[in-house]
Amino acid sequence: MRIQDVVLGLAVMCLWGFNFSVIKLGTDQIDPLMLVALRFTLATIPAIFFVARPPVAWRYLLAYGLVFGLGVWGMVTWSIEAGISAGMAGLLLQLSVVFSLLLGVGFLREKVGLGKVAGALLAMLGLFVSLTLEDGSVTPVGLALVMLGALCWSLTGIIVKRAGTDQVFAFSVWGMLFAPLPLLLLVCVRQGLDGVLQVSEQMNASVWFSVLFQAYPTTLLGYWLWNRLLVRYPLSTVAPFTLLVPVFGLIGSAVFYDEQIGMIKLLSCLLILSGLVVGQWQHRWLKGMGRWASSLGLLRSRIRRSIPD
């Protein structure tokens, strides 16, 4: 990979990881589902005028919007309000690998190798270890919500496969158009119509920052840059980058919210990440990592030469 693309990939992972802390900033002051509704409203309304609709049936876009908007980010954002720390939310969301395994076998009739089974078991072991945490970073309700989000994350993969599109960014943009309305309806169920009508009174600088950061850098810019990398390089080269999202998520939560990362939490993180590596391992990753190392070495050399003695 080119040096600038390695830096770009790392920047996107950092952006997505720190996003969990930005979500918490918003949920501390506004209904979590309203926060997600605002995120996808601002992300889609201008974008659909510049991004052509992909040639897929509307039902796939509708399904994606419901599952991705309400199912994934609605539940994950709600889980943070329900007591899951920003760092643990990003980590536990990676358990979607377990649900993907089960859904792949049940709906897509995929063959499951020993590596995927071992990876799923490691990830589940990491989940069980996280249940022993006593620092308040994992709550029963929050855990249930983030697990529902992980399940929905796996379902989005099936929806995209069923749609048969290779225009993933355009598909995401148009699919997210269907996310705000069901989110607003659920806000009404939880808080009544006043929960929607009073939102303007709650929009302070912190909430606006949370909404805008999620809508533009995280959603539109992040997914657009990620798709550029996917087009330019093999999936086996860029896929390992995603392992850094929960790492940056924990770092962000530790920096901005003083989340303590003790031995139990570190063990849970290592088990879940190991499960991801084992379950998704491809021998071609070695070549991709070799390119990473080479590019990072060149970048380090350039930085050293640019610093005066």
Protein backbone atom coordinates (compact mmCIF):
# COMPACT_ATOMS: atom_id res chain seq x y z
CA MET A 1 0.00 0.00 0.00
CA ARG A 2 1.08 3.58 -0.59
CA ILE A 3 2.16 5.43 2.53
CA GLN A 4 -0.65 7.96 2.25
CA ASP A 5 -3.21 5.16 1.99
CA VAL A 6 -1.87 3.48 5.13
CA VAL A 7 -2.18 6.79 6.96
CA LEU A 8 -5.66 7.23 5.49
CA GLY A 9 -6.74 3.78 6.68
CA LEU A 10 -5.41 4.44 10.18
CA ALA A 11 -7.17 7.81 10.26
CA VAL A 12 -10.53 6.26 9.32
CA MET A 13 -10.17 3.60 12.03
CA CYS A 14 -9.27 6.30 14.57
CA LEU A 15 -12.30 8.30 13.45
CA TRP A 16 -14.65 5.33 13.80
CA GLY A 17 -13.17 4.34 17.15
CA PHE A 18 -13.35 7.82 18.69
CA ASN A 19 -16.92 8.10 17.39
CA PHE A 20 -18.15 6.02 20.34
CA SER A 21 -16.92 8.71 22.73
CA VAL A 22 -18.62 11.37 20.61
CA ILE A 23 -21.85 9.34 20.79
CA LYS A 24 -21.61 9.35 24.58
CA LEU A 25 -21.18 13.12 24.53
CA GLY A 26 -24.58 13.38 22.83
CA THR A 27 -26.41 10.73 24.85
CA ASP A 28 -25.47 12.52 28.07
CA GLN A 29 -27.80 15.35 27.01
CA ILE A 30 -30.39 14.15 24.50
CA ASP A 31 -32.48 11.05 23.83
CA PRO A 32 -30.17 8.50 22.15
CA LEU A 33 -32.66 7.59 19.42
CA MET A 34 -33.25 11.26 18.64
CA LEU A 35 -29.48 11.66 18.39
CA VAL A 36 -29.31 8.88 15.79
CA ALA A 37 -32.32 10.27 13.89
CA LEU A 38 -30.59 13.65 13.61
CA ARG A 39 -27.36 11.96 12.54
CA PHE A 40 -28.91 10.15 9.59
CA THR A 41 -31.18 13.05 8.62
CA LEU A 42 -28.21 15.38 8.22
CA ALA A 43 -26.12 12.67 6.54
CA THR A 44 -28.65 11.73 3.87
CA ILE A 45 -30.65 14.82 2.94
CA PRO A 46 -27.79 16.67 1.22
CA ALA A 47 -25.97 13.53 0.06
CA ILE A 48 -28.79 11.98 -1.99
CA PHE A 49 -28.76 15.02 -4.29
CA PHE A 50 -25.15 14.29 -5.23
CA VAL A 51 -25.03 10.47 -5.09
CA ALA A 52 -27.02 8.57 -7.72
CA ARG A 53 -29.38 5.89 -6.44
CA PRO A 54 -27.94 2.42 -7.08
CA PRO A 55 -29.99 0.17 -9.38
CA VAL A 56 -31.50 -2.04 -6.68
CA ALA A 57 -35.05 -2.68 -5.51
CA TRP A 58 -36.43 -0.20 -3.00
CA ARG A 59 -37.14 -3.01 -0.53
CA TYR A 60 -33.42 -3.57 -0.04
CA LEU A 61 -32.82 0.12 0.65
CA LEU A 62 -35.73 0.16 3.09
CA ALA A 63 -34.48 -2.95 4.87
CA TYR A 64 -30.96 -1.56 5.09
CA GLY A 65 -32.19 1.74 6.52
CA LEU A 66 -34.24 0.02 9.21
CA VAL A 67 -31.57 -2.49 10.19
CA PHE A 68 -28.53 -0.21 9.94
CA GLY A 69 -30.13 2.94 11.32
CA LEU A 70 -32.49 1.64 13.97
CA GLY A 71 -31.05 -1.82 14.55
CA VAL A 72 -27.32 -1.10 14.63
CA TRP A 73 -26.76 2.52 15.62
CA GLY A 74 -30.07 3.02 17.36
CA MET A 75 -29.38 0.11 19.69
CA VAL A 76 -25.66 0.82 20.16
CA THR A 77 -26.32 4.49 20.96
CA TRP A 78 -29.12 3.50 23.33
CA SER A 79 -26.79 0.97 24.99
CA ILE A 80 -24.35 3.76 25.85
CA GLU A 81 -27.14 5.70 27.54
CA ALA A 82 -28.07 2.45 29.34
CA GLY A 83 -24.64 2.19 30.94
CA ILE A 84 -22.24 0.54 28.49
CA SER A 85 -19.04 2.57 28.39
CA ALA A 86 -18.00 4.06 25.05
CA GLY A 87 -14.96 1.80 24.93
CA MET A 88 -16.84 -1.42 25.70
CA ALA A 89 -19.61 -0.56 23.23
CA GLY A 90 -17.09 -0.45 20.40
CA LEU A 91 -15.49 -3.69 21.56
CA LEU A 92 -18.68 -5.70 22.15
CA LEU A 93 -20.10 -4.62 18.79
CA GLN A 94 -17.35 -6.76 17.24
CA LEU A 95 -19.25 -9.83 18.44
CA SER A 96 -21.21 -9.44 15.22
CA VAL A 97 -18.66 -11.98 13.93
CA VAL A 98 -20.49 -14.65 15.97
CA PHE A 99 -23.89 -13.66 14.61
CA SER A 100 -22.48 -13.50 11.07
CA LEU A 101 -21.30 -17.08 11.46
CA LEU A 102 -24.74 -18.26 12.58
CA LEU A 103 -26.61 -16.27 9.94
CA GLY A 104 -24.23 -17.37 7.22
CA VAL A 105 -24.94 -21.00 8.02
CA GLY A 106 -28.68 -20.54 8.54
CA PHE A 107 -29.57 -18.23 5.65
CA LEU A 108 -26.75 -18.34 3.11
CA ARG A 109 -25.87 -22.04 3.54
CA GLU A 110 -22.22 -21.13 3.93
CA LYS A 111 -19.70 -23.77 4.91
CA VAL A 112 -18.04 -23.13 8.24
CA GLY A 113 -14.40 -24.04 8.71
CA LEU A 114 -12.63 -24.84 11.94
CA GLY A 115 -11.00 -21.41 12.01
CA LYS A 116 -14.32 -19.57 12.02
CA VAL A 117 -15.69 -21.78 14.78
CA ALA A 118 -12.57 -21.25 16.86
CA GLY A 119 -12.74 -17.51 16.27
CA ALA A 120 -16.39 -17.38 17.35
CA LEU A 121 -15.60 -19.34 20.52
CA LEU A 122 -12.74 -16.98 21.40
CA ALA A 123 -14.98 -13.97 20.88
CA MET A 124 -17.71 -15.49 23.05
CA LEU A 125 -15.14 -16.22 25.74
CA GLY A 126 -14.19 -12.55 25.62
CA LEU A 127 -17.86 -11.66 26.11
CA PHE A 128 -18.13 -13.92 29.17
CA VAL A 129 -14.97 -12.36 30.63
CA SER A 130 -16.51 -8.89 30.17
CA LEU A 131 -19.48 -9.98 32.28
CA THR A 132 -17.18 -10.25 35.28
CA LEU A 133 -16.28 -6.56 35.14
CA GLU A 134 -17.23 -4.72 38.31
CA ASP A 135 -16.37 -1.15 37.27
CA GLY A 136 -19.84 -0.35 35.91
CA SER A 137 -18.73 -0.28 32.26
CA VAL A 138 -21.04 -3.19 31.32
CA THR A 139 -24.68 -3.20 32.44
CA PRO A 140 -27.31 -5.91 31.74
CA VAL A 141 -29.63 -3.62 29.75
CA GLY A 142 -26.75 -2.00 27.90
CA LEU A 143 -25.28 -5.40 27.05
CA ALA A 144 -28.62 -6.63 25.67
CA LEU A 145 -28.93 -3.55 23.47
CA VAL A 146 -25.38 -3.71 22.10
CA MET A 147 -25.83 -7.43 21.36
CA LEU A 148 -28.96 -6.57 19.41
CA GLY A 149 -26.89 -4.00 17.54
CA ALA A 150 -24.24 -6.63 16.79
CA LEU A 151 -26.93 -8.97 15.43
CA CYS A 152 -28.28 -6.23 13.19
CA TRP A 153 -24.76 -5.44 11.97
CA SER A 154 -24.57 -9.00 10.72
CA LEU A 155 -27.99 -8.67 9.07
CA THR A 156 -26.80 -5.65 7.08
CA GLY A 157 -24.23 -7.88 5.41
CA ILE A 158 -26.95 -10.28 4.29
CA ILE A 159 -29.07 -7.39 2.97
CA VAL A 160 -26.18 -6.02 0.90
CA LYS A 161 -25.45 -9.49 -0.49
CA ARG A 162 -29.10 -10.07 -1.37
CA ALA A 163 -29.24 -6.68 -3.10
CA GLY A 164 -26.29 -7.74 -5.27
CA THR A 165 -24.84 -4.25 -5.58
CA ASP A 166 -21.22 -3.23 -5.91
CA GLN A 167 -22.07 0.44 -5.24
CA VAL A 168 -21.88 0.03 -1.48
CA PHE A 169 -21.44 3.71 -0.64
CA ALA A 170 -24.41 4.82 -2.74
CA PHE A 171 -26.43 1.92 -1.35
CA SER A 172 -25.61 3.05 2.21
CA VAL A 173 -26.50 6.68 1.54
CA TRP A 174 -29.87 5.89 -0.02
CA GLY A 175 -30.63 3.19 2.54
CA MET A 176 -29.99 5.56 5.44
CA LEU A 177 -32.77 7.76 4.05
CA PHE A 178 -35.23 5.32 5.64
CA ALA A 179 -33.62 5.43 9.10
CA PRO A 180 -34.87 8.71 10.69
CA LEU A 181 -38.64 8.10 10.58
CA PRO A 182 -38.73 4.79 12.53
CA LEU A 183 -36.27 6.29 15.02
CA LEU A 184 -38.56 9.29 15.56
CA LEU A 185 -41.54 6.99 15.99
CA LEU A 186 -39.69 5.07 18.68
CA VAL A 187 -38.83 8.35 20.41
CA CYS A 188 -42.57 9.11 20.46
CA VAL A 189 -43.27 5.68 21.95
CA ARG A 190 -40.70 6.27 24.69
CA GLN A 191 -41.35 9.92 25.50
CA GLY A 192 -44.51 10.94 23.71
CA LEU A 193 -44.74 13.60 21.02
CA ASP A 194 -43.11 16.13 23.35
CA GLY A 195 -39.89 14.14 23.06
CA VAL A 196 -39.73 15.21 19.41
CA LEU A 197 -41.16 18.71 19.71
CA GLN A 198 -38.81 19.75 22.50
CA VAL A 199 -35.62 18.70 20.75
CA SER A 200 -34.77 22.27 19.68
CA GLU A 201 -34.53 23.25 23.35
CA GLN A 202 -31.90 20.55 23.95
CA MET A 203 -29.62 21.43 21.04
CA ASN A 204 -26.60 23.00 22.73
CA ALA A 205 -23.04 23.16 21.36
CA SER A 206 -22.10 19.68 22.64
CA VAL A 207 -25.13 18.03 21.06
CA TRP A 208 -24.55 19.80 17.76
CA PHE A 209 -20.92 18.68 17.76
CA SER A 210 -21.97 15.08 18.45
CA VAL A 211 -24.59 15.09 15.68
CA LEU A 212 -22.41 16.79 13.07
CA PHE A 213 -19.37 14.64 13.85
CA GLN A 214 -21.41 11.46 13.45
CA ALA A 215 -23.19 12.65 10.31
CA TYR A 216 -20.29 13.96 8.28
CA PRO A 217 -16.78 12.82 9.30
CA THR A 218 -17.90 9.44 10.67
CA THR A 219 -20.70 8.47 8.30
CA LEU A 220 -20.20 10.19 4.96
CA LEU A 221 -16.46 10.91 4.88
CA GLY A 222 -15.50 7.72 6.71
CA TYR A 223 -17.48 5.36 4.49
CA TRP A 224 -16.46 7.21 1.34
CA LEU A 225 -12.76 6.95 2.18
CA TRP A 226 -13.14 3.32 3.22
CA ASN A 227 -14.79 2.43 -0.08
CA ARG A 228 -11.94 4.14 -1.95
CA LEU A 229 -9.49 1.84 -0.18
CA LEU A 230 -11.66 -1.20 -0.97
CA VAL A 231 -11.69 -0.29 -4.66
CA ARG A 232 -7.95 0.38 -4.78
CA TYR A 233 -6.70 -2.66 -2.82
CA PRO A 234 -7.74 -6.29 -2.22
CA LEU A 235 -10.10 -6.87 0.70
CA SER A 236 -7.45 -9.04 2.36
CA THR A 237 -5.13 -6.00 2.45
CA VAL A 238 -7.54 -3.48 3.97
CA ALA A 239 -9.69 -5.77 6.17
CA PRO A 240 -7.12 -5.98 9.02
CA PHE A 241 -7.48 -2.23 9.54
CA THR A 242 -10.94 -2.78 11.08
CA LEU A 243 -9.36 -4.60 14.03
CA LEU A 244 -8.15 -1.19 15.19
CA VAL A 245 -11.65 0.29 15.64
CA PRO A 246 -12.29 -1.17 19.13
CA VAL A 247 -8.70 -0.35 20.11
CA PHE A 248 -9.20 3.32 19.25
CA GLY A 249 -12.62 3.11 20.90
CA LEU A 250 -11.06 2.08 24.20
CA ILE A 251 -8.30 4.67 23.87
CA GLY A 252 -10.85 7.41 23.20
CA SER A 253 -12.97 6.41 26.18
CA ALA A 254 -9.88 6.31 28.42
CA VAL A 255 -8.73 9.75 27.24
CA PHE A 256 -12.07 11.58 27.26
CA TYR A 257 -13.95 9.75 30.04
CA ASP A 258 -11.16 8.31 32.19
CA GLU A 259 -12.34 4.76 31.54
CA GLN A 260 -10.07 2.37 33.41
CA ILE A 261 -8.59 -0.46 31.35
CA GLY A 262 -7.68 -3.10 33.91
CA MET A 263 -6.50 -6.66 33.40
CA ILE A 264 -10.02 -8.13 33.03
CA LYS A 265 -11.03 -5.58 30.40
CA LEU A 266 -7.73 -6.02 28.60
CA LEU A 267 -8.17 -9.80 28.59
CA SER A 268 -11.71 -9.44 27.21
CA CYS A 269 -10.38 -7.14 24.47
CA LEU A 270 -7.58 -9.52 23.53
CA LEU A 271 -9.95 -12.52 23.38
CA ILE A 272 -12.51 -10.75 21.19
CA LEU A 273 -9.85 -9.33 18.85
CA SER A 274 -8.14 -12.73 18.69
CA GLY A 275 -11.48 -14.24 17.77
CA LEU A 276 -11.82 -11.75 14.93
CA VAL A 277 -8.34 -12.52 13.64
CA VAL A 278 -8.74 -16.30 13.86
CA GLY A 279 -12.24 -16.31 12.40
CA GLN A 280 -11.43 -14.05 9.46
CA TRP A 281 -7.83 -15.10 8.89
CA GLN A 282 -6.60 -15.34 5.31
CA HIS A 283 -3.06 -16.24 4.30
CA ARG A 284 -3.10 -13.24 1.97
CA TRP A 285 -3.22 -11.02 5.05
CA LEU A 286 0.49 -11.74 5.51
CA LYS A 287 1.19 -9.99 2.23
CA GLY A 288 -1.06 -7.11 3.22
CA MET A 289 0.67 -6.77 6.59
CA GLY A 290 4.01 -6.90 4.83
CA ARG A 291 2.92 -3.95 2.70
CA TRP A 292 1.78 -2.17 5.86
CA ALA A 293 5.17 -2.70 7.52
CA SER A 294 7.03 -1.54 4.45
CA SER A 295 4.89 1.58 4.07
CA LEU A 296 5.14 2.44 7.77
CA GLY A 297 8.90 1.97 7.61
CA LEU A 298 9.14 4.41 4.71
CA LEU A 299 6.89 6.86 6.54
CA ARG A 300 9.05 6.66 9.67
CA SER A 301 12.18 7.25 7.60
CA ARG A 302 10.67 10.32 5.94
CA ILE A 303 9.60 11.77 9.27
CA ARG A 304 13.10 11.29 10.70
CA ARG A 305 14.71 12.96 7.68
CA SER A 306 12.31 15.91 8.01
CA ILE A 307 13.25 16.56 11.66
CA PRO A 308 16.35 18.76 11.98
CA ASP A 309 19.19 17.52 14.16
